[in-house]
């Protein structure tokens, strides 16, 4: 039962963490050709979305916890590790 709860939470938190990235990606074709001043004006619509960035570290923790819980099962373990590593890579890319 614990594994299923952690799996569910890891999926939900990962989905919530990906919302801002998806919004930026979906809006990119419309914003890419804008002049700099207009681009920064349009970016203002995302100001209140900053709290969603807190989901990234939580997603790392949840996937790492899931990996620990399913460490005896090869495929689920490596998928959870890969998910955690992908979120770590997202954070590294964001801060670089």
C-alpha atoms as a PDB file:
ATOM      1  CA  UNK A   1       0.000   0.000   0.000  1.00  0.00           C
ATOM      2  CA  UNK A   2       2.818   2.426   0.836  1.00  0.00           C
ATOM      3  CA  UNK A   3       4.426   1.926  -2.572  1.00  0.00           C
ATOM      4  CA  UNK A   4       1.180   2.736  -4.352  1.00  0.00           C
ATOM      5  CA  UNK A   5       0.711   5.933  -2.343  1.00  0.00           C
ATOM      6  CA  UNK A   6       4.283   7.041  -3.071  1.00  0.00           C
ATOM      7  CA  UNK A   7       3.851   6.149  -6.758  1.00  0.00           C
ATOM      8  CA  UNK A   8       0.668   8.207  -6.916  1.00  0.00           C
ATOM      9  CA  UNK A   9       2.250  11.178  -5.147  1.00  0.00           C
ATOM     10  CA  UNK A  10       5.367  10.993  -7.337  1.00  0.00           C
ATOM     11  CA  UNK A  11       3.221  11.091 -10.482  1.00  0.00           C
ATOM     12  CA  UNK A  12       1.006  13.942  -9.269  1.00  0.00           C
ATOM     13  CA  UNK A  13       3.929  16.043  -8.027  1.00  0.00           C
ATOM     14  CA  UNK A  14       5.900  15.406 -11.224  1.00  0.00           C
ATOM     15  CA  UNK A  15       2.905  16.515 -13.291  1.00  0.00           C
ATOM     16  CA  UNK A  16       2.519  19.681 -11.206  1.00  0.00           C
ATOM     17  CA  UNK A  17       6.252  20.366 -11.539  1.00  0.00           C
ATOM     18  CA  UNK A  18       6.043  20.133 -15.331  1.00  0.00           C
ATOM     19  CA  UNK A  19       3.149  22.598 -15.733  1.00  0.00           C
ATOM     20  CA  UNK A  20       5.325  25.754 -15.929  1.00  0.00           C
ATOM     21  CA  UNK A  21       7.760  24.141 -18.369  1.00  0.00           C
ATOM     22  CA  UNK A  22       4.888  23.057 -20.574  1.00  0.00           C
ATOM     23  CA  UNK A  23       3.363  26.524 -20.475  1.00  0.00           C
ATOM     24  CA  UNK A  24       6.643  28.104 -21.561  1.00  0.00           C
ATOM     25  CA  UNK A  25       7.099  25.553 -24.316  1.00  0.00           C
ATOM     26  CA  UNK A  26       3.543  26.023 -25.606  1.00  0.00           C
ATOM     27  CA  UNK A  27       3.892  29.818 -25.639  1.00  0.00           C
ATOM     28  CA  UNK A  28       7.361  29.886 -27.215  1.00  0.00           C
ATOM     29  CA  UNK A  29       6.280  29.957 -30.897  1.00  0.00           C
ATOM     30  CA  UNK A  30       4.155  33.037 -30.195  1.00  0.00           C
ATOM     31  CA  UNK A  31       6.821  34.836 -28.162  1.00  0.00           C
ATOM     32  CA  UNK A  32      10.065  33.982 -29.950  1.00  0.00           C
ATOM     33  CA  UNK A  33       9.854  36.770 -32.551  1.00  0.00           C
ATOM     34  CA  UNK A  34       8.798  39.509 -30.136  1.00  0.00           C
ATOM     35  CA  UNK A  35      11.074  42.474 -29.504  1.00  0.00           C
ATOM     36  CA  UNK A  36      12.868  42.324 -26.145  1.00  0.00           C
ATOM     37  CA  UNK A  37      10.608  44.854 -24.381  1.00  0.00           C
ATOM     38  CA  UNK A  38       7.454  43.089 -25.523  1.00  0.00           C
ATOM     39  CA  UNK A  39       8.892  39.685 -24.598  1.00  0.00           C
ATOM     40  CA  UNK A  40       9.586  40.813 -21.025  1.00  0.00           C
ATOM     41  CA  UNK A  41       6.107  42.338 -20.809  1.00  0.00           C
ATOM     42  CA  UNK A  42       4.550  39.016 -21.860  1.00  0.00           C
ATOM     43  CA  UNK A  43       6.743  37.113 -19.374  1.00  0.00           C
ATOM     44  CA  UNK A  44       5.000  39.003 -16.573  1.00  0.00           C
ATOM     45  CA  UNK A  45       2.045  36.621 -16.846  1.00  0.00           C
ATOM     46  CA  UNK A  46       4.214  33.951 -15.182  1.00  0.00           C
ATOM     47  CA  UNK A  47       5.189  35.943 -12.061  1.00  0.00           C
ATOM     48  CA  UNK A  48       2.797  34.185  -9.704  1.00  0.00           C
ATOM     49  CA  UNK A  49       3.853  30.765 -10.975  1.00  0.00           C
ATOM     50  CA  UNK A  50       7.163  30.846  -9.081  1.00  0.00           C
ATOM     51  CA  UNK A  51       5.775  28.732  -6.219  1.00  0.00           C
ATOM     52  CA  UNK A  52       5.353  25.832  -8.650  1.00  0.00           C
ATOM     53  CA  UNK A  53       9.146  25.636  -8.789  1.00  0.00           C
ATOM     54  CA  UNK A  54       8.980  24.169  -5.295  1.00  0.00           C
ATOM     55  CA  UNK A  55       7.564  21.011  -6.829  1.00  0.00           C
ATOM     56  CA  UNK A  56      10.889  20.202  -8.553  1.00  0.00           C
ATOM     57  CA  UNK A  57      12.824  19.353  -5.360  1.00  0.00           C
ATOM     58  CA  UNK A  58       9.754  17.574  -3.983  1.00  0.00           C
ATOM     59  CA  UNK A  59       9.569  15.495  -7.181  1.00  0.00           C
ATOM     60  CA  UNK A  60      13.235  14.561  -6.739  1.00  0.00           C
ATOM     61  CA  UNK A  61      12.598  13.462  -3.159  1.00  0.00           C
ATOM     62  CA  UNK A  62       9.443  11.521  -4.036  1.00  0.00           C
ATOM     63  CA  UNK A  63      11.120   9.666  -6.897  1.00  0.00           C
ATOM     64  CA  UNK A  64      14.167   8.919  -4.760  1.00  0.00           C
ATOM     65  CA  UNK A  65      11.863   7.622  -2.017  1.00  0.00           C
ATOM     66  CA  UNK A  66      10.040   5.518  -4.577  1.00  0.00           C
ATOM     67  CA  UNK A  67      13.373   4.119  -5.791  1.00  0.00           C
ATOM     68  CA  UNK A  68      14.232   3.116  -2.227  1.00  0.00           C
ATOM     69  CA  UNK A  69      10.845   1.460  -1.743  1.00  0.00           C
ATOM     70  CA  UNK A  70      11.056  -0.574  -4.969  1.00  0.00           C
ATOM     71  CA  UNK A  71      14.807  -1.278  -4.903  1.00  0.00           C
ATOM     72  CA  UNK A  72      14.178  -5.037  -5.058  1.00  0.00           C
ATOM     73  CA  UNK A  73      12.401  -4.662  -8.437  1.00  0.00           C
ATOM     74  CA  UNK A  74      14.840  -3.824 -11.214  1.00  0.00           C
ATOM     75  CA  UNK A  75      12.672  -1.980 -13.761  1.00  0.00           C
ATOM     76  CA  UNK A  76      10.645   0.173 -11.312  1.00  0.00           C
ATOM     77  CA  UNK A  77      13.825   1.025  -9.402  1.00  0.00           C
ATOM     78  CA  UNK A  78      15.686   2.266 -12.469  1.00  0.00           C
ATOM     79  CA  UNK A  79      12.661   4.168 -13.754  1.00  0.00           C
ATOM     80  CA  UNK A  80      12.304   5.986 -10.428  1.00  0.00           C
ATOM     81  CA  UNK A  81      16.043   6.730 -10.373  1.00  0.00           C
ATOM     82  CA  UNK A  82      15.835   8.018 -13.953  1.00  0.00           C
ATOM     83  CA  UNK A  83      12.884  10.245 -13.060  1.00  0.00           C
ATOM     84  CA  UNK A  84      14.772  11.706 -10.097  1.00  0.00           C
ATOM     85  CA  UNK A  85      17.850  12.265 -12.275  1.00  0.00           C
ATOM     86  CA  UNK A  86      15.761  14.011 -14.922  1.00  0.00           C
ATOM     87  CA  UNK A  87      14.430  16.447 -12.329  1.00  0.00           C
ATOM     88  CA  UNK A  88      17.966  17.030 -11.048  1.00  0.00           C
ATOM     89  CA  UNK A  89      19.057  17.732 -14.622  1.00  0.00           C
ATOM     90  CA  UNK A  90      16.142  20.153 -15.042  1.00  0.00           C
ATOM     91  CA  UNK A  91      17.301  22.060 -11.957  1.00  0.00           C
ATOM     92  CA  UNK A  92      20.900  22.130 -13.167  1.00  0.00           C
ATOM     93  CA  UNK A  93      19.832  23.445 -16.587  1.00  0.00           C
ATOM     94  CA  UNK A  94      17.585  26.036 -14.958  1.00  0.00           C
ATOM     95  CA  UNK A  95      20.326  27.382 -12.682  1.00  0.00           C
ATOM     96  CA  UNK A  96      23.054  27.294 -15.333  1.00  0.00           C
END
